[in-house]
């Protein structure tokens, strides 16, 4: 081989190596952002989960006969704490929203509870947490989209397959989250 051909081959190899390094670093960065955003969701889910026992305790003092609602909230909270994957978290999140909706419907029948300072403080914290959780979900889905586009587009798809990078699942609300909680006060 002549010198010019060797130089051209060496230049092509260097360019391919540099492209591989840049693609790998880009994929790692995007993957880490997704991980960070998922952790933000986990933080807010944990915050909400920590608030729930205090909220239930303050409501229980006024509403001794609403045990089914309290049991539903406790079950939903436990599912949320046990959820590992993003789809499991989304499903548990939907169930806890339903359970909290039932709990808040019960509260409507107790005006003295709605004026209780501890209860209103807990409700304000819960509302703030719900807002932060909605923001965290949105940020996660944006990061997931960027990651997934990067993993699926050329030339990154080549390096993603070589290095084992995969698409991530979006945070999607559970189907029952769209349903209005049903509360029966006749029991």
N, C-alpha and C. Protein backbone atom coordinates (compact mmCIF):
# COMPACT_ATOMS: atom_id res chain seq x y z
N UNK A 1 0.84 -1.18 0.00
CA UNK A 1 0.00 0.00 0.00
C UNK A 1 0.88 1.24 0.00
N UNK A 2 0.36 2.21 -0.69
CA UNK A 2 1.14 3.44 -0.72
C UNK A 2 0.85 4.29 0.52
N UNK A 3 1.65 5.27 0.71
CA UNK A 3 1.58 6.11 1.91
C UNK A 3 0.26 6.89 1.99
N UNK A 4 -0.23 7.36 0.87
CA UNK A 4 -1.47 8.14 0.84
C UNK A 4 -2.66 7.29 1.28
N UNK A 5 -2.72 6.05 0.85
CA UNK A 5 -3.80 5.13 1.22
C UNK A 5 -3.75 4.82 2.71
N UNK A 6 -2.54 4.60 3.24
CA UNK A 6 -2.39 4.34 4.67
C UNK A 6 -2.85 5.54 5.50
N UNK A 7 -2.50 6.71 5.06
CA UNK A 7 -2.91 7.94 5.76
C UNK A 7 -4.43 8.09 5.73
N UNK A 8 -5.04 7.81 4.60
CA UNK A 8 -6.50 7.90 4.47
C UNK A 8 -7.19 6.90 5.38
N UNK A 9 -6.68 5.67 5.42
CA UNK A 9 -7.27 4.63 6.29
C UNK A 9 -7.12 5.04 7.75
N UNK A 10 -5.96 5.54 8.10
CA UNK A 10 -5.73 5.98 9.49
C UNK A 10 -6.68 7.12 9.84
N UNK A 11 -6.87 8.06 8.93
CA UNK A 11 -7.77 9.20 9.19
C UNK A 11 -9.21 8.71 9.37
N UNK A 12 -9.64 7.75 8.54
CA UNK A 12 -11.00 7.20 8.65
C UNK A 12 -11.17 6.49 9.99
N UNK A 13 -10.17 5.72 10.41
CA UNK A 13 -10.23 5.02 11.69
C UNK A 13 -10.32 6.02 12.85
N UNK A 14 -9.50 7.08 12.79
CA UNK A 14 -9.53 8.11 13.83
C UNK A 14 -10.90 8.78 13.88
N UNK A 15 -11.46 9.11 12.72
CA UNK A 15 -12.78 9.74 12.67
C UNK A 15 -13.84 8.81 13.25
N UNK A 16 -13.79 7.53 12.91
CA UNK A 16 -14.75 6.57 13.45
C UNK A 16 -14.60 6.43 14.96
N UNK A 17 -13.37 6.38 15.45
CA UNK A 17 -13.15 6.30 16.89
C UNK A 17 -13.67 7.54 17.60
N UNK A 18 -13.39 8.69 17.05
CA UNK A 18 -13.89 9.94 17.65
C UNK A 18 -15.42 9.98 17.64
N UNK A 19 -16.01 9.56 16.53
CA UNK A 19 -17.48 9.53 16.46
C UNK A 19 -18.03 8.57 17.51
N UNK A 20 -17.37 7.44 17.69
CA UNK A 20 -17.80 6.47 18.71
C UNK A 20 -17.70 7.05 20.10
N UNK A 21 -16.61 7.73 20.40
CA UNK A 21 -16.42 8.34 21.71
C UNK A 21 -17.48 9.42 21.96
N UNK A 22 -17.68 10.29 20.98
CA UNK A 22 -18.68 11.34 21.15
C UNK A 22 -20.09 10.77 21.30
N UNK A 23 -20.41 9.78 20.50
CA UNK A 23 -21.74 9.15 20.61
C UNK A 23 -21.91 8.49 21.96
N UNK A 24 -20.89 7.76 22.39
CA UNK A 24 -20.97 7.08 23.69
C UNK A 24 -21.18 8.10 24.81
N UNK A 25 -20.38 9.15 24.82
CA UNK A 25 -20.50 10.17 25.87
C UNK A 25 -21.87 10.85 25.84
N UNK A 26 -22.37 11.10 24.65
CA UNK A 26 -23.70 11.70 24.52
C UNK A 26 -24.78 10.77 25.05
N UNK A 27 -24.69 9.49 24.72
CA UNK A 27 -25.67 8.52 25.19
C UNK A 27 -25.61 8.36 26.71
N UNK A 28 -24.41 8.36 27.27
CA UNK A 28 -24.26 8.27 28.73
C UNK A 28 -24.89 9.49 29.38
N UNK A 29 -24.62 10.66 28.85
CA UNK A 29 -25.19 11.89 29.41
C UNK A 29 -26.71 11.89 29.40
N UNK A 30 -27.28 11.48 28.29
CA UNK A 30 -28.74 11.45 28.18
C UNK A 30 -29.34 10.39 29.10
N UNK A 31 -28.67 9.27 29.21
CA UNK A 31 -29.13 8.21 30.11
C UNK A 31 -29.10 8.69 31.57
N UNK A 32 -28.07 9.42 31.92
CA UNK A 32 -27.97 9.94 33.29
C UNK A 32 -29.04 10.99 33.58
N UNK A 33 -29.39 11.78 32.59
CA UNK A 33 -30.46 12.77 32.78
C UNK A 33 -31.78 12.05 33.02
N UNK A 34 -32.04 10.98 32.28
CA UNK A 34 -33.27 10.20 32.49
C UNK A 34 -33.28 9.63 33.91
N UNK A 35 -32.15 9.10 34.34
CA UNK A 35 -32.04 8.55 35.69
C UNK A 35 -32.31 9.64 36.74
N UNK A 36 -31.76 10.81 36.52
CA UNK A 36 -31.97 11.92 37.45
C UNK A 36 -33.45 12.32 37.49
N UNK A 37 -34.08 12.39 36.35
CA UNK A 37 -35.49 12.79 36.30
C UNK A 37 -36.37 11.73 36.94
N UNK A 38 -36.03 10.46 36.76
CA UNK A 38 -36.78 9.38 37.41
C UNK A 38 -36.63 9.50 38.93
N UNK A 39 -35.43 9.85 39.38
CA UNK A 39 -35.20 10.03 40.81
C UNK A 39 -36.02 11.20 41.35
N UNK A 40 -36.21 12.23 40.55
CA UNK A 40 -37.05 13.36 40.97
C UNK A 40 -38.50 12.91 41.18
N UNK A 41 -38.98 12.06 40.29
CA UNK A 41 -40.33 11.51 40.46
C UNK A 41 -40.38 10.70 41.74
N UNK A 42 -39.38 9.86 41.95
CA UNK A 42 -39.34 9.03 43.16
C UNK A 42 -39.34 9.90 44.42
N UNK A 43 -38.59 10.99 44.39
CA UNK A 43 -38.53 11.90 45.53
C UNK A 43 -39.90 12.47 45.84
N UNK A 44 -40.61 12.91 44.82
CA UNK A 44 -41.94 13.50 45.04
C UNK A 44 -42.96 12.44 45.43
N UNK A 45 -42.86 11.25 44.85
CA UNK A 45 -43.76 10.16 45.26
C UNK A 45 -43.52 9.81 46.72
N UNK A 46 -42.27 9.79 47.14
CA UNK A 46 -41.94 9.50 48.54
C UNK A 46 -42.46 10.61 49.44
N UNK A 47 -42.30 11.85 49.01
CA UNK A 47 -42.80 12.99 49.80
C UNK A 47 -44.30 12.86 50.01
N UNK A 48 -45.00 12.57 48.92
CA UNK A 48 -46.45 12.42 49.03
C UNK A 48 -46.78 11.24 49.92
N UNK A 49 -46.07 10.16 49.75
CA UNK A 49 -46.31 8.97 50.56
C UNK A 49 -46.07 9.26 52.05
N UNK A 50 -45.10 10.09 52.34
CA UNK A 50 -44.82 10.47 53.73
C UNK A 50 -45.91 11.38 54.31
N UNK A 51 -46.53 12.19 53.47
CA UNK A 51 -47.59 13.09 53.93
C UNK A 51 -48.90 12.35 54.21
N UNK A 52 -49.13 11.28 53.49
CA UNK A 52 -50.42 10.59 53.56
C UNK A 52 -50.77 10.09 54.96
N UNK A 53 -49.87 9.43 55.70
CA UNK A 53 -50.26 8.97 57.04
C UNK A 53 -50.72 10.12 57.96
N UNK A 54 -50.05 11.26 57.87
CA UNK A 54 -50.46 12.41 58.68
C UNK A 54 -51.82 12.93 58.26
N UNK A 55 -52.06 12.95 56.96
CA UNK A 55 -53.35 13.40 56.45
C UNK A 55 -54.45 12.44 56.91
N UNK A 56 -54.20 11.14 56.76
CA UNK A 56 -55.19 10.14 57.18
C UNK A 56 -55.45 10.25 58.67
N UNK A 57 -54.39 10.42 59.47
CA UNK A 57 -54.55 10.51 60.91
C UNK A 57 -55.40 11.73 61.29
N UNK A 58 -55.18 12.86 60.61
CA UNK A 58 -55.97 14.05 60.95
C UNK A 58 -57.44 13.87 60.54
N UNK A 59 -57.68 13.17 59.43
CA UNK A 59 -59.05 12.94 59.00
C UNK A 59 -59.73 11.89 59.89
N UNK A 60 -58.98 10.87 60.30
CA UNK A 60 -59.55 9.81 61.14
C UNK A 60 -60.12 10.35 62.44
N UNK A 61 -59.50 11.37 62.97
CA UNK A 61 -60.00 11.94 64.22
C UNK A 61 -61.41 12.46 64.09
N UNK A 62 -61.80 12.86 62.91
CA UNK A 62 -63.14 13.41 62.68
C UNK A 62 -64.10 12.37 62.12
N UNK A 63 -63.58 11.37 61.47
CA UNK A 63 -64.42 10.47 60.68
C UNK A 63 -64.15 9.02 61.03
N UNK A 64 -64.52 8.61 62.17
CA UNK A 64 -64.22 7.26 62.66
C UNK A 64 -64.84 6.15 61.80
N UNK A 65 -65.95 6.42 61.13
CA UNK A 65 -66.69 5.37 60.42
C UNK A 65 -66.32 5.23 58.94
N UNK A 66 -65.23 5.82 58.50
CA UNK A 66 -64.85 5.76 57.09
C UNK A 66 -63.67 4.81 56.86
N UNK A 67 -63.67 3.69 57.55
CA UNK A 67 -62.54 2.76 57.52
C UNK A 67 -62.22 2.23 56.11
N UNK A 68 -63.22 2.01 55.28
CA UNK A 68 -62.96 1.48 53.93
C UNK A 68 -62.11 2.46 53.12
N UNK A 69 -62.39 3.74 53.28
CA UNK A 69 -61.61 4.76 52.56
C UNK A 69 -60.17 4.76 53.06
N UNK A 70 -59.99 4.68 54.39
CA UNK A 70 -58.65 4.67 54.95
C UNK A 70 -57.88 3.43 54.51
N UNK A 71 -58.55 2.30 54.46
CA UNK A 71 -57.90 1.05 54.03
C UNK A 71 -57.45 1.18 52.57
N UNK A 72 -58.29 1.78 51.75
CA UNK A 72 -57.95 1.95 50.34
C UNK A 72 -56.72 2.85 50.19
N UNK A 73 -56.67 3.93 50.96
CA UNK A 73 -55.52 4.83 50.92
C UNK A 73 -54.25 4.09 51.36
N UNK A 74 -54.36 3.31 52.44
CA UNK A 74 -53.20 2.56 52.94
C UNK A 74 -52.71 1.54 51.91
N UNK A 75 -53.64 0.83 51.27
CA UNK A 75 -53.26 -0.16 50.26
C UNK A 75 -52.58 0.51 49.07
N UNK A 76 -53.14 1.61 48.63
CA UNK A 76 -52.55 2.32 47.49
C UNK A 76 -51.17 2.85 47.83
N UNK A 77 -51.01 3.36 49.04
CA UNK A 77 -49.71 3.87 49.49
C UNK A 77 -48.68 2.73 49.52
N UNK A 78 -49.08 1.58 50.01
CA UNK A 78 -48.17 0.43 50.07
C UNK A 78 -47.74 0.00 48.67
N UNK A 79 -48.68 -0.01 47.73
CA UNK A 79 -48.34 -0.37 46.34
C UNK A 79 -47.33 0.62 45.77
N UNK A 80 -47.53 1.89 46.08
CA UNK A 80 -46.63 2.92 45.59
C UNK A 80 -45.22 2.71 46.15
N UNK A 81 -45.14 2.38 47.42
CA UNK A 81 -43.83 2.17 48.04
C UNK A 81 -43.13 0.92 47.50
N UNK A 82 -43.90 -0.06 47.02
CA UNK A 82 -43.32 -1.31 46.50
C UNK A 82 -43.00 -1.24 45.01
N UNK A 83 -43.53 -0.26 44.29
CA UNK A 83 -43.34 -0.17 42.84
C UNK A 83 -41.86 0.05 42.49
N UNK A 84 -41.40 -0.67 41.50
CA UNK A 84 -40.00 -0.58 41.08
C UNK A 84 -39.85 0.06 39.70
N UNK A 85 -40.57 -0.44 38.72
CA UNK A 85 -40.41 0.07 37.35
C UNK A 85 -41.29 1.29 37.15
N UNK A 86 -41.00 2.04 36.09
CA UNK A 86 -41.78 3.24 35.81
C UNK A 86 -43.25 2.91 35.55
N UNK A 87 -43.59 1.83 34.81
CA UNK A 87 -45.01 1.50 34.64
C UNK A 87 -45.69 1.12 35.96
N UNK A 88 -44.98 0.41 36.84
CA UNK A 88 -45.55 0.06 38.15
C UNK A 88 -45.80 1.33 38.97
N UNK A 89 -44.85 2.27 38.90
CA UNK A 89 -45.00 3.52 39.63
C UNK A 89 -46.18 4.32 39.10
N UNK A 90 -46.32 4.34 37.78
CA UNK A 90 -47.44 5.07 37.18
C UNK A 90 -48.77 4.46 37.59
N UNK A 91 -48.84 3.14 37.61
CA UNK A 91 -50.09 2.48 38.01
C UNK A 91 -50.39 2.75 39.48
N UNK A 92 -49.38 2.62 40.33
CA UNK A 92 -49.58 2.87 41.75
C UNK A 92 -49.93 4.34 42.00
N UNK A 93 -49.32 5.22 41.23
CA UNK A 93 -49.62 6.65 41.33
C UNK A 93 -51.09 6.90 41.00
N UNK A 94 -51.60 6.24 39.97
CA UNK A 94 -53.01 6.38 39.62
C UNK A 94 -53.92 5.88 40.72
N UNK A 95 -53.54 4.75 41.33
CA UNK A 95 -54.36 4.19 42.42
C UNK A 95 -54.35 5.10 43.64
N UNK A 96 -53.22 5.71 43.92
CA UNK A 96 -53.16 6.58 45.09
C UNK A 96 -53.94 7.87 44.82
N UNK A 97 -53.93 8.34 43.59
CA UNK A 97 -54.75 9.52 43.25
C UNK A 97 -56.23 9.20 43.46
N UNK A 98 -56.64 8.01 43.04
CA UNK A 98 -58.02 7.60 43.23
C UNK A 98 -58.36 7.53 44.71
N UNK A 99 -57.48 6.92 45.49
CA UNK A 99 -57.73 6.77 46.93
C UNK A 99 -57.77 8.13 47.62
N UNK A 100 -56.85 9.01 47.25
CA UNK A 100 -56.86 10.36 47.84
C UNK A 100 -58.11 11.12 47.42
N UNK A 101 -58.56 10.90 46.21
CA UNK A 101 -59.80 11.53 45.76
C UNK A 101 -60.97 11.09 46.63
N UNK A 102 -61.01 9.81 46.95
CA UNK A 102 -62.06 9.29 47.83
C UNK A 102 -61.95 9.91 49.22
N UNK A 103 -60.73 10.02 49.72
CA UNK A 103 -60.52 10.61 51.04
C UNK A 103 -60.96 12.07 51.05
N UNK A 104 -60.64 12.80 50.01
CA UNK A 104 -61.03 14.21 49.95
C UNK A 104 -62.54 14.37 49.79
N UNK A 105 -63.17 13.41 49.12
CA UNK A 105 -64.63 13.44 49.02
C UNK A 105 -65.27 13.25 50.40
N UNK A 106 -64.67 12.41 51.22
CA UNK A 106 -65.15 12.20 52.59
C UNK A 106 -65.02 13.51 53.39
N UNK A 107 -63.91 14.19 53.18
CA UNK A 107 -63.64 15.43 53.91
C UNK A 107 -64.74 16.47 53.66
N UNK A 108 -65.30 16.45 52.47
CA UNK A 108 -66.35 17.43 52.14
C UNK A 108 -67.53 17.36 53.10
N UNK A 109 -67.76 16.22 53.71
CA UNK A 109 -68.88 16.07 54.65
C UNK A 109 -68.56 16.56 56.06
N UNK A 110 -67.33 17.04 56.27
CA UNK A 110 -66.91 17.45 57.61
C UNK A 110 -66.33 18.87 57.57
N UNK A 111 -67.21 19.87 57.64
CA UNK A 111 -66.74 21.26 57.55
C UNK A 111 -65.76 21.62 58.67
N UNK A 112 -65.95 21.05 59.86
CA UNK A 112 -65.05 21.36 60.95
C UNK A 112 -63.63 20.86 60.66
N UNK A 113 -63.52 19.77 59.89
CA UNK A 113 -62.21 19.25 59.53
C UNK A 113 -61.54 20.19 58.54
N UNK A 114 -62.30 20.69 57.58
CA UNK A 114 -61.73 21.57 56.57
C UNK A 114 -61.19 22.86 57.19
N UNK A 115 -61.67 23.23 58.38
CA UNK A 115 -61.18 24.44 59.03
C UNK A 115 -60.05 24.14 60.03
N UNK A 116 -59.72 22.86 60.22
CA UNK A 116 -58.65 22.47 61.13
C UNK A 116 -57.30 22.91 60.55
N UNK A 117 -56.49 23.59 61.38
CA UNK A 117 -55.24 24.16 60.91
C UNK A 117 -54.26 23.09 60.42
N UNK A 118 -54.11 22.00 61.17
CA UNK A 118 -53.21 20.94 60.76
C UNK A 118 -53.66 20.34 59.43
N UNK A 119 -54.95 20.11 59.31
CA UNK A 119 -55.47 19.53 58.07
C UNK A 119 -55.21 20.46 56.89
N UNK A 120 -55.49 21.74 57.04
CA UNK A 120 -55.28 22.67 55.92
C UNK A 120 -53.79 22.78 55.56
N UNK A 121 -52.93 22.70 56.57
CA UNK A 121 -51.50 22.73 56.30
C UNK A 121 -51.09 21.48 55.52
N UNK A 122 -51.59 20.32 55.94
CA UNK A 122 -51.28 19.08 55.22
C UNK A 122 -51.81 19.12 53.79
N UNK A 123 -52.99 19.67 53.61
CA UNK A 123 -53.57 19.77 52.27
C UNK A 123 -52.74 20.69 51.38
N UNK A 124 -52.26 21.80 51.97
CA UNK A 124 -51.39 22.70 51.20
C UNK A 124 -50.10 22.00 50.79
N UNK A 125 -49.52 21.24 51.71
CA UNK A 125 -48.29 20.50 51.39
C UNK A 125 -48.56 19.45 50.33
N UNK A 126 -49.69 18.79 50.44
CA UNK A 126 -50.05 17.77 49.44
C UNK A 126 -50.25 18.41 48.07
N UNK A 127 -50.93 19.55 48.03
CA UNK A 127 -51.14 20.25 46.76
C UNK A 127 -49.80 20.67 46.15
N UNK A 128 -48.91 21.18 46.98
CA UNK A 128 -47.58 21.56 46.48
C UNK A 128 -46.82 20.36 45.96
N UNK A 129 -46.93 19.25 46.67
CA UNK A 129 -46.26 18.02 46.24
C UNK A 129 -46.84 17.54 44.92
N UNK A 130 -48.15 17.61 44.78
CA UNK A 130 -48.78 17.19 43.52
C UNK A 130 -48.27 18.05 42.36
N UNK A 131 -48.10 19.34 42.59
CA UNK A 131 -47.58 20.22 41.54
C UNK A 131 -46.14 19.85 41.19
N UNK A 132 -45.32 19.61 42.20
CA UNK A 132 -43.93 19.21 41.95
C UNK A 132 -43.88 17.86 41.25
N UNK A 133 -44.78 16.97 41.61
CA UNK A 133 -44.83 15.65 40.98
C UNK A 133 -45.22 15.77 39.51
N UNK A 134 -46.19 16.59 39.21
CA UNK A 134 -46.58 16.80 37.81
C UNK A 134 -45.41 17.36 37.01
N UNK A 135 -44.69 18.30 37.59
CA UNK A 135 -43.52 18.87 36.92
C UNK A 135 -42.44 17.80 36.72
N UNK A 136 -42.19 17.00 37.75
CA UNK A 136 -41.17 15.95 37.66
C UNK A 136 -41.53 14.93 36.58
N UNK A 137 -42.82 14.57 36.48
CA UNK A 137 -43.25 13.62 35.44
C UNK A 137 -42.99 14.21 34.06
N UNK A 138 -43.34 15.48 33.90
CA UNK A 138 -43.15 16.14 32.61
C UNK A 138 -41.67 16.20 32.24
N UNK A 139 -40.82 16.55 33.20
CA UNK A 139 -39.38 16.62 32.95
C UNK A 139 -38.82 15.23 32.62
N UNK A 140 -39.29 14.21 33.30
CA UNK A 140 -38.85 12.84 33.00
C UNK A 140 -39.22 12.48 31.56
N UNK A 141 -40.45 12.76 31.17
CA UNK A 141 -40.88 12.40 29.82
C UNK A 141 -40.10 13.17 28.75
N UNK A 142 -39.74 14.42 29.04
CA UNK A 142 -38.91 15.18 28.10
C UNK A 142 -37.53 14.53 27.97
N UNK A 143 -36.94 14.15 29.11
CA UNK A 143 -35.63 13.49 29.08
C UNK A 143 -35.72 12.13 28.39
N UNK A 144 -36.81 11.40 28.64
CA UNK A 144 -37.01 10.10 27.99
C UNK A 144 -37.09 10.27 26.47
N UNK A 145 -37.79 11.30 26.03
CA UNK A 145 -37.93 11.56 24.59
C UNK A 145 -36.56 11.84 23.97
N UNK A 146 -35.78 12.70 24.60
CA UNK A 146 -34.45 13.03 24.08
C UNK A 146 -33.57 11.79 24.05
N UNK A 147 -33.61 11.02 25.13
CA UNK A 147 -32.83 9.79 25.20
C UNK A 147 -33.26 8.82 24.10
N UNK A 148 -34.55 8.60 23.97
CA UNK A 148 -35.05 7.63 22.99
C UNK A 148 -34.74 8.05 21.56
N UNK A 149 -34.87 9.35 21.29
CA UNK A 149 -34.53 9.83 19.94
C UNK A 149 -33.04 9.62 19.67
N UNK A 150 -32.22 9.86 20.67
CA UNK A 150 -30.78 9.70 20.50
C UNK A 150 -30.40 8.24 20.27
N UNK A 151 -31.03 7.36 21.02
CA UNK A 151 -30.72 5.93 20.91
C UNK A 151 -31.21 5.36 19.58
N UNK A 152 -32.23 5.95 19.00
CA UNK A 152 -32.85 5.39 17.80
C UNK A 152 -32.43 6.06 16.50
N UNK A 153 -31.62 7.10 16.57
CA UNK A 153 -31.23 7.80 15.34
C UNK A 153 -29.79 7.47 14.94
N UNK A 154 -29.54 7.61 13.66
CA UNK A 154 -28.22 7.34 13.10
C UNK A 154 -27.31 8.52 13.37
N UNK A 155 -26.08 8.35 13.71
CA UNK A 155 -25.30 7.12 13.84
C UNK A 155 -25.34 6.54 15.27
N UNK A 156 -25.99 7.24 16.20
CA UNK A 156 -26.00 6.77 17.59
C UNK A 156 -26.58 5.37 17.73
N UNK A 157 -27.50 5.00 16.86
CA UNK A 157 -28.12 3.67 16.98
C UNK A 157 -27.06 2.57 16.91
N UNK A 158 -26.05 2.79 16.12
CA UNK A 158 -24.97 1.81 15.99
C UNK A 158 -24.25 1.65 17.33
N UNK A 159 -23.87 2.79 17.90
CA UNK A 159 -23.12 2.75 19.16
C UNK A 159 -24.02 2.36 20.33
N UNK A 160 -25.29 2.71 20.25
CA UNK A 160 -26.23 2.31 21.31
C UNK A 160 -26.35 0.79 21.35
N UNK A 161 -26.41 0.18 20.19
CA UNK A 161 -26.49 -1.29 20.15
C UNK A 161 -25.19 -1.92 20.64
N UNK A 162 -24.08 -1.35 20.24
CA UNK A 162 -22.78 -1.90 20.66
C UNK A 162 -22.62 -1.81 22.18
N UNK A 163 -22.99 -0.67 22.75
CA UNK A 163 -22.77 -0.43 24.18
C UNK A 163 -23.98 -0.76 25.05
N UNK A 164 -25.06 -1.23 24.45
CA UNK A 164 -26.21 -1.69 25.23
C UNK A 164 -27.15 -0.60 25.73
N UNK A 165 -27.16 0.56 25.10
CA UNK A 165 -28.11 1.61 25.49
C UNK A 165 -29.47 1.27 24.89
N UNK A 166 -30.51 1.50 25.65
CA UNK A 166 -31.87 1.16 25.21
C UNK A 166 -32.79 2.35 25.40
N UNK A 167 -33.94 2.27 24.76
CA UNK A 167 -34.96 3.29 24.99
C UNK A 167 -35.54 3.07 26.39
N UNK A 168 -36.12 4.13 26.94
CA UNK A 168 -36.76 4.03 28.25
C UNK A 168 -38.25 4.27 28.08
N UNK A 169 -39.01 3.75 29.03
CA UNK A 169 -40.46 3.92 28.95
C UNK A 169 -40.86 5.30 29.47
N UNK A 170 -41.85 5.87 28.83
CA UNK A 170 -42.40 7.14 29.29
C UNK A 170 -43.23 6.90 30.55
N UNK A 171 -43.37 7.95 31.32
CA UNK A 171 -44.26 7.90 32.48
C UNK A 171 -45.66 8.15 31.94
N UNK A 172 -46.50 7.13 32.01
CA UNK A 172 -47.86 7.26 31.50
C UNK A 172 -48.83 7.00 32.63
N UNK A 173 -49.82 7.85 32.73
CA UNK A 173 -50.83 7.68 33.77
C UNK A 173 -51.59 6.38 33.56
N UNK A 174 -51.92 5.75 34.65
CA UNK A 174 -52.72 4.54 34.62
C UNK A 174 -54.12 4.90 34.09
N UNK A 175 -54.75 3.97 33.39
CA UNK A 175 -56.07 4.22 32.81
C UNK A 175 -57.10 4.65 33.86
N UNK A 176 -57.03 4.08 35.07
CA UNK A 176 -58.02 4.42 36.08
C UNK A 176 -57.81 5.83 36.65
N UNK A 177 -56.68 6.44 36.36
CA UNK A 177 -56.44 7.81 36.85
C UNK A 177 -57.42 8.80 36.21
N UNK A 178 -57.95 8.45 35.05
CA UNK A 178 -58.90 9.33 34.38
C UNK A 178 -60.32 9.21 34.94
N UNK A 179 -60.54 8.21 35.79
CA UNK A 179 -61.88 7.99 36.35
C UNK A 179 -62.06 8.83 37.61
N UNK A 180 -63.26 9.33 37.80
CA UNK A 180 -63.59 10.07 39.00
C UNK A 180 -63.80 9.11 40.15
N UNK A 181 -63.19 9.41 41.32
CA UNK A 181 -63.39 8.51 42.46
C UNK A 181 -64.87 8.43 42.86
N UNK A 182 -65.32 7.22 43.19
CA UNK A 182 -66.69 7.02 43.63
C UNK A 182 -66.72 6.82 45.13
N UNK A 183 -67.53 7.60 45.81
CA UNK A 183 -67.65 7.48 47.26
C UNK A 183 -69.11 7.29 47.59
N UNK A 184 -69.39 6.30 48.42
CA UNK A 184 -70.74 6.00 48.83
C UNK A 184 -70.90 6.34 50.32
N UNK A 185 -71.66 7.38 50.63
CA UNK A 185 -71.85 7.81 52.00
C UNK A 185 -73.03 7.10 52.67
N UNK A 186 -73.67 6.19 51.96
CA UNK A 186 -74.85 5.54 52.51
C UNK A 186 -74.49 4.40 53.47
N UNK A 187 -73.25 4.01 53.55
CA UNK A 187 -72.85 2.88 54.39
C UNK A 187 -72.65 3.30 55.82
